[in-house]
Amino acid sequence: MSNRSTKSTMLIPGALGEILVSARTTGKLTLLDRHGLKAAILDESLSEEEQRSIDRLLRAVVKGRIAVDPLTQSSPAAQDSVHTLESGSAWMA
């Protein structure tokens, strides 16, 4: 029996590069960027270079050089997610 979810998240080719460039240019990670990073992290075929790029991006978020855009929803769950993101204990909702 597999532990994997039946729902799969797929990374669009070239999306990781776009996310990295956008984050460095704007200094922000959007909700869509975070979903793309989630897909990238779950992709088992990432090269070592791509994995290191994601690690650098995450370090930049932790150090405050790249901001995480708050969620635009006003639900209590969204508010909790924003607090978690700001505390640095988790970076993706």
PDB file of N, CA and C in Angstrom:
ATOM      1  N   MET A   1       0.839  -1.179   0.000  1.00  0.00           N
ATOM      2  CA  MET A   1       0.000   0.000   0.000  1.00  0.00           C
ATOM      3  C   MET A   1       0.883   1.240   0.000  1.00  0.00           C
ATOM      4  N   SER A   2       0.567   2.181  -0.828  1.00  0.00           N
ATOM      5  CA  SER A   2       1.374   3.386  -0.975  1.00  0.00           C
ATOM      6  C   SER A   2       0.930   4.463   0.007  1.00  0.00           C
ATOM      7  N   ASN A   3       1.908   5.227   0.529  1.00  0.00           N
ATOM      8  CA  ASN A   3       1.615   6.343   1.423  1.00  0.00           C
ATOM      9  C   ASN A   3       1.312   7.615   0.654  1.00  0.00           C
ATOM     10  N   ARG A   4       1.465   7.578  -0.637  1.00  0.00           N
ATOM     11  CA  ARG A   4       1.254   8.774  -1.452  1.00  0.00           C
ATOM     12  C   ARG A   4      -0.216   9.081  -1.623  1.00  0.00           C
ATOM     13  N   SER A   5      -0.510  10.336  -1.695  1.00  0.00           N
ATOM     14  CA  SER A   5      -1.871  10.790  -1.929  1.00  0.00           C
ATOM     15  C   SER A   5      -2.250  10.500  -3.377  1.00  0.00           C
ATOM     16  N   THR A   6      -3.537  10.289  -3.613  1.00  0.00           N
ATOM     17  CA  THR A   6      -3.974  10.055  -4.975  1.00  0.00           C
ATOM     18  C   THR A   6      -3.948  11.353  -5.777  1.00  0.00           C
ATOM     19  N   LYS A   7      -3.945  12.469  -5.096  1.00  0.00           N
ATOM     20  CA  LYS A   7      -3.828  13.770  -5.750  1.00  0.00           C
ATOM     21  C   LYS A   7      -2.358  14.060  -5.967  1.00  0.00           C
ATOM     22  N   SER A   8      -1.967  14.364  -7.178  1.00  0.00           N
ATOM     23  CA  SER A   8      -0.555  14.677  -7.394  1.00  0.00           C
ATOM     24  C   SER A   8      -0.410  16.141  -7.774  1.00  0.00           C
ATOM     25  N   THR A   9       0.691  16.712  -7.356  1.00  0.00           N
ATOM     26  CA  THR A   9       1.004  18.088  -7.677  1.00  0.00           C
ATOM     27  C   THR A   9       2.148  18.057  -8.669  1.00  0.00           C
ATOM     28  N   MET A  10       1.946  18.685  -9.814  1.00  0.00           N
ATOM     29  CA  MET A  10       2.976  18.655 -10.841  1.00  0.00           C
ATOM     30  C   MET A  10       3.533  20.052 -11.073  1.00  0.00           C
ATOM     31  N   LEU A  11       4.817  20.105 -11.276  1.00  0.00           N
ATOM     32  CA  LEU A  11       5.498  21.361 -11.545  1.00  0.00           C
ATOM     33  C   LEU A  11       5.508  21.607 -13.045  1.00  0.00           C
ATOM     34  N   ILE A  12       5.102  22.775 -13.448  1.00  0.00           N
ATOM     35  CA  ILE A  12       5.131  23.145 -14.858  1.00  0.00           C
ATOM     36  C   ILE A  12       6.589  23.372 -15.246  1.00  0.00           C
ATOM     37  N   PRO A  13       7.030  22.803 -16.369  1.00  0.00           N
ATOM     38  CA  PRO A  13       8.428  23.007 -16.774  1.00  0.00           C
ATOM     39  C   PRO A  13       8.770  24.494 -16.863  1.00  0.00           C
ATOM     40  N   GLY A  14       9.886  24.864 -16.267  1.00  0.00           N
ATOM     41  CA  GLY A  14      10.338  26.249 -16.284  1.00  0.00           C
ATOM     42  C   GLY A  14       9.755  27.107 -15.173  1.00  0.00           C
ATOM     43  N   ALA A  15       8.764  26.563 -14.443  1.00  0.00           N
ATOM     44  CA  ALA A  15       8.098  27.354 -13.403  1.00  0.00           C
ATOM     45  C   ALA A  15       9.036  27.679 -12.249  1.00  0.00           C
ATOM     46  N   LEU A  16       9.886  26.751 -11.876  1.00  0.00           N
ATOM     47  CA  LEU A  16      10.788  26.996 -10.752  1.00  0.00           C
ATOM     48  C   LEU A  16      11.699  28.181 -11.040  1.00  0.00           C
ATOM     49  N   GLY A  17      12.258  28.219 -12.223  1.00  0.00           N
ATOM     50  CA  GLY A  17      13.110  29.348 -12.609  1.00  0.00           C
ATOM     51  C   GLY A  17      12.364  30.667 -12.553  1.00  0.00           C
ATOM     52  N   GLU A  18      11.121  30.658 -13.025  1.00  0.00           N
ATOM     53  CA  GLU A  18      10.301  31.869 -13.000  1.00  0.00           C
ATOM     54  C   GLU A  18      10.027  32.318 -11.565  1.00  0.00           C
ATOM     55  N   ILE A  19       9.757  31.367 -10.697  1.00  0.00           N
ATOM     56  CA  ILE A  19       9.494  31.688  -9.288  1.00  0.00           C
ATOM     57  C   ILE A  19      10.737  32.311  -8.656  1.00  0.00           C
ATOM     58  N   LEU A  20      11.882  31.704  -8.902  1.00  0.00           N
ATOM     59  CA  LEU A  20      13.132  32.200  -8.323  1.00  0.00           C
ATOM     60  C   LEU A  20      13.452  33.605  -8.812  1.00  0.00           C
ATOM     61  N   VAL A  21      13.299  33.836 -10.109  1.00  0.00           N
ATOM     62  CA  VAL A  21      13.579  35.165 -10.681  1.00  0.00           C
ATOM     63  C   VAL A  21      12.592  36.190 -10.135  1.00  0.00           C
ATOM     64  N   SER A  22      11.320  35.831 -10.094  1.00  0.00           N
ATOM     65  CA  SER A  22      10.301  36.746  -9.606  1.00  0.00           C
ATOM     66  C   SER A  22      10.547  37.118  -8.138  1.00  0.00           C
ATOM     67  N   ALA A  23      10.879  36.126  -7.320  1.00  0.00           N
ATOM     68  CA  ALA A  23      11.122  36.389  -5.898  1.00  0.00           C
ATOM     69  C   ALA A  23      12.328  37.299  -5.710  1.00  0.00           C
ATOM     70  N   ARG A  24      13.383  37.060  -6.463  1.00  0.00           N
ATOM     71  CA  ARG A  24      14.586  37.903  -6.343  1.00  0.00           C
ATOM     72  C   ARG A  24      14.316  39.318  -6.861  1.00  0.00           C
ATOM     73  N   THR A  25      13.523  39.434  -7.926  1.00  0.00           N
ATOM     74  CA  THR A  25      13.242  40.743  -8.529  1.00  0.00           C
ATOM     75  C   THR A  25      12.303  41.576  -7.658  1.00  0.00           C
ATOM     76  N   THR A  26      11.216  40.943  -7.191  1.00  0.00           N
ATOM     77  CA  THR A  26      10.205  41.686  -6.439  1.00  0.00           C
ATOM     78  C   THR A  26      10.454  41.679  -4.934  1.00  0.00           C
ATOM     79  N   GLY A  27      11.237  40.707  -4.470  1.00  0.00           N
ATOM     80  CA  GLY A  27      11.466  40.586  -3.033  1.00  0.00           C
ATOM     81  C   GLY A  27      10.287  39.986  -2.300  1.00  0.00           C
ATOM     82  N   LYS A  28       9.385  39.330  -3.047  1.00  0.00           N
ATOM     83  CA  LYS A  28       8.179  38.758  -2.455  1.00  0.00           C
ATOM     84  C   LYS A  28       7.889  37.380  -3.020  1.00  0.00           C
ATOM     85  N   LEU A  29       7.249  36.560  -2.194  1.00  0.00           N
ATOM     86  CA  LEU A  29       6.698  35.282  -2.638  1.00  0.00           C
ATOM     87  C   LEU A  29       5.183  35.388  -2.553  1.00  0.00           C
ATOM     88  N   THR A  30       4.517  35.171  -3.670  1.00  0.00           N
ATOM     89  CA  THR A  30       3.059  35.219  -3.686  1.00  0.00           C
ATOM     90  C   THR A  30       2.498  33.851  -3.323  1.00  0.00           C
ATOM     91  N   LEU A  31       1.199  33.797  -3.172  1.00  0.00           N
ATOM     92  CA  LEU A  31       0.524  32.533  -2.894  1.00  0.00           C
ATOM     93  C   LEU A  31       0.782  31.545  -4.039  1.00  0.00           C
ATOM     94  N   LEU A  32       0.708  32.026  -5.268  1.00  0.00           N
ATOM     95  CA  LEU A  32       0.973  31.143  -6.413  1.00  0.00           C
ATOM     96  C   LEU A  32       2.420  30.659  -6.417  1.00  0.00           C
ATOM     97  N   ASP A  33       3.346  31.532  -6.045  1.00  0.00           N
ATOM     98  CA  ASP A  33       4.746  31.122  -5.940  1.00  0.00           C
ATOM     99  C   ASP A  33       4.897  29.999  -4.914  1.00  0.00           C
ATOM    100  N   ARG A  34       4.210  30.136  -3.791  1.00  0.00           N
ATOM    101  CA  ARG A  34       4.314  29.119  -2.737  1.00  0.00           C
ATOM    102  C   ARG A  34       3.745  27.787  -3.203  1.00  0.00           C
ATOM    103  N   HIS A  35       2.655  27.840  -3.963  1.00  0.00           N
ATOM    104  CA  HIS A  35       2.105  26.592  -4.505  1.00  0.00           C
ATOM    105  C   HIS A  35       3.091  25.965  -5.499  1.00  0.00           C
ATOM    106  N   GLY A  36       3.720  26.800  -6.301  1.00  0.00           N
ATOM    107  CA  GLY A  36       4.725  26.289  -7.241  1.00  0.00           C
ATOM    108  C   GLY A  36       5.915  25.679  -6.523  1.00  0.00           C
ATOM    109  N   LEU A  37       6.353  26.311  -5.440  1.00  0.00           N
ATOM    110  CA  LEU A  37       7.463  25.761  -4.653  1.00  0.00           C
ATOM    111  C   LEU A  37       7.071  24.444  -4.005  1.00  0.00           C
ATOM    112  N   LYS A  38       5.846  24.354  -3.565  1.00  0.00           N
ATOM    113  CA  LYS A  38       5.359  23.101  -2.987  1.00  0.00           C
ATOM    114  C   LYS A  38       5.447  21.988  -4.029  1.00  0.00           C
ATOM    115  N   ALA A  39       5.001  22.279  -5.234  1.00  0.00           N
ATOM    116  CA  ALA A  39       5.076  21.284  -6.304  1.00  0.00           C
ATOM    117  C   ALA A  39       6.528  20.918  -6.593  1.00  0.00           C
ATOM    118  N   ALA A  40       7.397  21.914  -6.582  1.00  0.00           N
ATOM    119  CA  ALA A  40       8.817  21.660  -6.854  1.00  0.00           C
ATOM    120  C   ALA A  40       9.432  20.781  -5.783  1.00  0.00           C
ATOM    121  N   ILE A  41       9.120  21.053  -4.541  1.00  0.00           N
ATOM    122  CA  ILE A  41       9.682  20.273  -3.440  1.00  0.00           C
ATOM    123  C   ILE A  41       9.211  18.831  -3.506  1.00  0.00           C
ATOM    124  N   LEU A  42       7.973  18.620  -3.936  1.00  0.00           N
ATOM    125  CA  LEU A  42       7.438  17.266  -4.045  1.00  0.00           C
ATOM    126  C   LEU A  42       7.927  16.528  -5.287  1.00  0.00           C
ATOM    127  N   ASP A  43       8.545  17.247  -6.207  1.00  0.00           N
ATOM    128  CA  ASP A  43       9.044  16.651  -7.453  1.00  0.00           C
ATOM    129  C   ASP A  43      10.350  15.917  -7.166  1.00  0.00           C
ATOM    130  N   GLU A  44      10.329  14.617  -7.305  1.00  0.00           N
ATOM    131  CA  GLU A  44      11.506  13.808  -6.989  1.00  0.00           C
ATOM    132  C   GLU A  44      12.585  13.875  -8.063  1.00  0.00           C
ATOM    133  N   SER A  45      12.304  14.514  -9.179  1.00  0.00           N
ATOM    134  CA  SER A  45      13.285  14.556 -10.265  1.00  0.00           C
ATOM    135  C   SER A  45      14.067  15.871 -10.324  1.00  0.00           C
ATOM    136  N   LEU A  46      13.997  16.683  -9.268  1.00  0.00           N
ATOM    137  CA  LEU A  46      14.750  17.939  -9.245  1.00  0.00           C
ATOM    138  C   LEU A  46      16.246  17.651  -9.250  1.00  0.00           C
ATOM    139  N   SER A  47      16.970  18.471  -9.968  1.00  0.00           N
ATOM    140  CA  SER A  47      18.425  18.341  -9.959  1.00  0.00           C
ATOM    141  C   SER A  47      18.969  18.915  -8.654  1.00  0.00           C
ATOM    142  N   GLU A  48      20.223  18.602  -8.352  1.00  0.00           N
ATOM    143  CA  GLU A  48      20.851  19.160  -7.148  1.00  0.00           C
ATOM    144  C   GLU A  48      20.895  20.681  -7.218  1.00  0.00           C
ATOM    145  N   GLU A  49      21.142  21.212  -8.398  1.00  0.00           N
ATOM    146  CA  GLU A  49      21.188  22.667  -8.569  1.00  0.00           C
ATOM    147  C   GLU A  49      19.838  23.300  -8.245  1.00  0.00           C
ATOM    148  N   GLU A  50      18.745  22.672  -8.697  1.00  0.00           N
ATOM    149  CA  GLU A  50      17.411  23.190  -8.402  1.00  0.00           C
ATOM    150  C   GLU A  50      17.119  23.094  -6.906  1.00  0.00           C
ATOM    151  N   GLN A  51      17.524  21.994  -6.282  1.00  0.00           N
ATOM    152  CA  GLN A  51      17.335  21.848  -4.836  1.00  0.00           C
ATOM    153  C   GLN A  51      18.109  22.921  -4.068  1.00  0.00           C
ATOM    154  N   ARG A  52      19.341  23.202  -4.494  1.00  0.00           N
ATOM    155  CA  ARG A  52      20.133  24.244  -3.833  1.00  0.00           C
ATOM    156  C   ARG A  52      19.505  25.620  -4.041  1.00  0.00           C
ATOM    157  N   SER A  53      18.927  25.854  -5.214  1.00  0.00           N
ATOM    158  CA  SER A  53      18.268  27.134  -5.477  1.00  0.00           C
ATOM    159  C   SER A  53      17.075  27.334  -4.549  1.00  0.00           C
ATOM    160  N   ILE A  54      16.307  26.287  -4.340  1.00  0.00           N
ATOM    161  CA  ILE A  54      15.167  26.363  -3.423  1.00  0.00           C
ATOM    162  C   ILE A  54      15.672  26.618  -2.000  1.00  0.00           C
ATOM    163  N   ASP A  55      16.738  25.935  -1.610  1.00  0.00           N
ATOM    164  CA  ASP A  55      17.316  26.146  -0.280  1.00  0.00           C
ATOM    165  C   ASP A  55      17.756  27.596  -0.084  1.00  0.00           C
ATOM    166  N   ARG A  56      18.395  28.178  -1.109  1.00  0.00           N
ATOM    167  CA  ARG A  56      18.825  29.578  -1.015  1.00  0.00           C
ATOM    168  C   ARG A  56      17.626  30.503  -0.875  1.00  0.00           C
ATOM    169  N   LEU A  57      16.574  30.211  -1.635  1.00  0.00           N
ATOM    170  CA  LEU A  57      15.367  31.025  -1.562  1.00  0.00           C
ATOM    171  C   LEU A  57      14.752  30.949  -0.167  1.00  0.00           C
ATOM    172  N   LEU A  58      14.687  29.759   0.391  1.00  0.00           N
ATOM    173  CA  LEU A  58      14.125  29.603   1.737  1.00  0.00           C
ATOM    174  C   LEU A  58      14.972  30.315   2.787  1.00  0.00           C
ATOM    175  N   ARG A  59      16.291  30.268   2.635  1.00  0.00           N
ATOM    176  CA  ARG A  59      17.162  31.006   3.564  1.00  0.00           C
ATOM    177  C   ARG A  59      16.908  32.502   3.468  1.00  0.00           C
ATOM    178  N   ALA A  60      16.682  32.994   2.238  1.00  0.00           N
ATOM    179  CA  ALA A  60      16.398  34.419   2.049  1.00  0.00           C
ATOM    180  C   ALA A  60      15.085  34.804   2.732  1.00  0.00           C
ATOM    181  N   VAL A  61      14.100  33.906   2.705  1.00  0.00           N
ATOM    182  CA  VAL A  61      12.830  34.166   3.384  1.00  0.00           C
ATOM    183  C   VAL A  61      13.056  34.211   4.886  1.00  0.00           C
ATOM    184  N   VAL A  62      13.780  33.237   5.421  1.00  0.00           N
ATOM    185  CA  VAL A  62      14.037  33.181   6.863  1.00  0.00           C
ATOM    186  C   VAL A  62      14.791  34.424   7.328  1.00  0.00           C
ATOM    187  N   LYS A  63      15.744  34.880   6.532  1.00  0.00           N
ATOM    188  CA  LYS A  63      16.541  36.055   6.909  1.00  0.00           C
ATOM    189  C   LYS A  63      15.818  37.369   6.643  1.00  0.00           C
ATOM    190  N   GLY A  64      14.629  37.305   6.038  1.00  0.00           N
ATOM    191  CA  GLY A  64      13.838  38.506   5.811  1.00  0.00           C
ATOM    192  C   GLY A  64      14.167  39.258   4.540  1.00  0.00           C
ATOM    193  N   ARG A  65      15.013  38.698   3.693  1.00  0.00           N
ATOM    194  CA  ARG A  65      15.344  39.370   2.430  1.00  0.00           C
ATOM    195  C   ARG A  65      14.235  39.214   1.400  1.00  0.00           C
ATOM    196  N   ILE A  66      13.427  38.184   1.559  1.00  0.00           N
ATOM    197  CA  ILE A  66      12.264  37.976   0.687  1.00  0.00           C
ATOM    198  C   ILE A  66      11.050  37.857   1.598  1.00  0.00           C
ATOM    199  N   ALA A  67      10.036  38.666   1.302  1.00  0.00           N
ATOM    200  CA  ALA A  67       8.812  38.682   2.109  1.00  0.00           C
ATOM    201  C   ALA A  67       7.821  37.675   1.551  1.00  0.00           C
ATOM    202  N   VAL A  68       6.987  37.172   2.428  1.00  0.00           N
ATOM    203  CA  VAL A  68       5.907  36.278   2.018  1.00  0.00           C
ATOM    204  C   VAL A  68       4.635  37.102   2.034  1.00  0.00           C
ATOM    205  N   ASP A  69       4.017  37.270   0.849  1.00  0.00           N
ATOM    206  CA  ASP A  69       2.768  38.025   0.771  1.00  0.00           C
ATOM    207  C   ASP A  69       1.721  37.335   1.627  1.00  0.00           C
ATOM    208  N   PRO A  70       1.005  38.096   2.432  1.00  0.00           N
ATOM    209  CA  PRO A  70      -0.044  37.478   3.254  1.00  0.00           C
ATOM    210  C   PRO A  70      -1.161  36.945   2.365  1.00  0.00           C
ATOM    211  N   LEU A  71      -1.879  35.993   2.905  1.00  0.00           N
ATOM    212  CA  LEU A  71      -3.016  35.436   2.177  1.00  0.00           C
ATOM    213  C   LEU A  71      -4.086  36.504   2.082  1.00  0.00           C
ATOM    214  N   THR A  72      -4.822  36.500   0.990  1.00  0.00           N
ATOM    215  CA  THR A  72      -5.825  37.539   0.788  1.00  0.00           C
ATOM    216  C   THR A  72      -7.169  37.165   1.395  1.00  0.00           C
ATOM    217  N   GLN A  73      -7.325  35.935   1.851  1.00  0.00           N
ATOM    218  CA  GLN A  73      -8.582  35.516   2.462  1.00  0.00           C
ATOM    219  C   GLN A  73      -8.685  36.102   3.864  1.00  0.00           C
ATOM    220  N   SER A  74      -9.893  36.297   4.345  1.00  0.00           N
ATOM    221  CA  SER A  74     -10.063  36.867   5.668  1.00  0.00           C
ATOM    222  C   SER A  74     -10.584  35.848   6.677  1.00  0.00           C
ATOM    223  N   SER A  75     -10.514  34.570   6.344  1.00  0.00           N
ATOM    224  CA  SER A  75     -10.995  33.545   7.267  1.00  0.00           C
ATOM    225  C   SER A  75     -10.026  33.381   8.429  1.00  0.00           C
ATOM    226  N   PRO A  76     -10.509  32.892   9.583  1.00  0.00           N
ATOM    227  CA  PRO A  76      -9.613  32.664  10.724  1.00  0.00           C
ATOM    228  C   PRO A  76      -8.473  31.711  10.381  1.00  0.00           C
ATOM    229  N   ALA A  77      -8.743  30.698   9.555  1.00  0.00           N
ATOM    230  CA  ALA A  77      -7.680  29.760   9.167  1.00  0.00           C
ATOM    231  C   ALA A  77      -6.600  30.489   8.385  1.00  0.00           C
ATOM    232  N   ALA A  78      -6.997  31.417   7.524  1.00  0.00           N
ATOM    233  CA  ALA A  78      -6.019  32.191   6.761  1.00  0.00           C
ATOM    234  C   ALA A  78      -5.203  33.064   7.700  1.00  0.00           C
ATOM    235  N   GLN A  79      -5.850  33.645   8.712  1.00  0.00           N
ATOM    236  CA  GLN A  79      -5.134  34.476   9.670  1.00  0.00           C
ATOM    237  C   GLN A  79      -4.093  33.657  10.415  1.00  0.00           C
ATOM    238  N   ASP A  80      -4.446  32.430  10.820  1.00  0.00           N
ATOM    239  CA  ASP A  80      -3.500  31.551  11.505  1.00  0.00           C
ATOM    240  C   ASP A  80      -2.332  31.217  10.596  1.00  0.00           C
ATOM    241  N   SER A  81      -2.601  30.981   9.307  1.00  0.00           N
ATOM    242  CA  SER A  81      -1.539  30.658   8.357  1.00  0.00           C
ATOM    243  C   SER A  81      -0.577  31.825   8.206  1.00  0.00           C
ATOM    244  N   VAL A  82      -1.116  33.039   8.157  1.00  0.00           N
ATOM    245  CA  VAL A  82      -0.267  34.213   8.028  1.00  0.00           C
ATOM    246  C   VAL A  82       0.624  34.332   9.250  1.00  0.00           C
ATOM    247  N   HIS A  83       0.072  34.128  10.446  1.00  0.00           N
ATOM    248  CA  HIS A  83       0.873  34.201  11.663  1.00  0.00           C
ATOM    249  C   HIS A  83       1.985  33.156  11.623  1.00  0.00           C
ATOM    250  N   THR A  84       1.659  31.951  11.185  1.00  0.00           N
ATOM    251  CA  THR A  84       2.661  30.896  11.095  1.00  0.00           C
ATOM    252  C   THR A  84       3.748  31.298  10.115  1.00  0.00           C
ATOM    253  N   LEU A  85       3.365  31.884   8.988  1.00  0.00           N
ATOM    254  CA  LEU A  85       4.347  32.294   7.991  1.00  0.00           C
ATOM    255  C   LEU A  85       5.250  33.384   8.548  1.00  0.00           C
ATOM    256  N   GLU A  86       4.668  34.338   9.259  1.00  0.00           N
ATOM    257  CA  GLU A  86       5.460  35.436   9.790  1.00  0.00           C
ATOM    258  C   GLU A  86       6.412  34.970  10.890  1.00  0.00           C
ATOM    259  N   SER A  87       6.028  33.929  11.620  1.00  0.00           N
ATOM    260  CA  SER A  87       6.873  33.461  12.708  1.00  0.00           C
ATOM    261  C   SER A  87       8.091  32.702  12.194  1.00  0.00           C
ATOM    262  N   GLY A  88       8.049  32.301  10.927  1.00  0.00           N
ATOM    263  CA  GLY A  88       9.187  31.605  10.345  1.00  0.00           C
ATOM    264  C   GLY A  88       9.174  30.109  10.581  1.00  0.00           C
ATOM    265  N   SER A  89       8.148  29.606  11.290  1.00  0.00           N
ATOM    266  CA  SER A  89       8.110  28.175  11.565  1.00  0.00           C
ATOM    267  C   SER A  89       7.620  27.382  10.371  1.00  0.00           C
ATOM    268  N   ALA A  90       6.931  28.024   9.462  1.00  0.00           N
ATOM    269  CA  ALA A  90       6.492  27.386   8.224  1.00  0.00           C
ATOM    270  C   ALA A  90       6.410  28.463   7.162  1.00  0.00           C
ATOM    271  N   TRP A  91       6.650  28.115   5.934  1.00  0.00           N
ATOM    272  CA  TRP A  91       6.662  29.148   4.892  1.00  0.00           C
ATOM    273  C   TRP A  91       5.620  28.935   3.848  1.00  0.00           C
ATOM    274  N   MET A  92       4.973  27.789   3.828  1.00  0.00           N
ATOM    275  CA  MET A  92       3.918  27.560   2.849  1.00  0.00           C
ATOM    276  C   MET A  92       2.630  27.215   3.552  1.00  0.00           C
ATOM    277  N   ALA A  93       1.557  27.755   3.032  1.00  0.00           N
ATOM    278  CA  ALA A  93       0.248  27.419   3.579  1.00  0.00           C
ATOM    279  C   ALA A  93      -0.286  26.193   2.883  1.00  0.00           C
TER     280      ALA A  93
END
